[in-house]
């Protein structure tokens, strides 16, 4: 069984997390750090809250060619989550 490498990333609630610039920045950050994974970033989700939400895309059941992937490695999920957490909690650039 193939391990899941497709993730939906739901940013935290807040206007600052919905700008095209922020979404592009997060996409580039994830692609650079985890090139073996495919990330879909969306602000349309009933799971949105105060932090990032990672949703593994395990596949679909039923129909022709349906396949389920194995749940992703928990260490990898933690690393992805830590990267996102550190990114939104980094110090603001100095304006001096």
Foldseek 3Di string as FASTA:
>chain_A
DAAFQEKEKAAADDPVCPDPVNVVVLLVLCCVVPVSHHYHYDNDDPPHHHGMDIDTCQWDDDDPPTGGHHYHDVVVVVVSRVSRVCVVPPDDDDPD
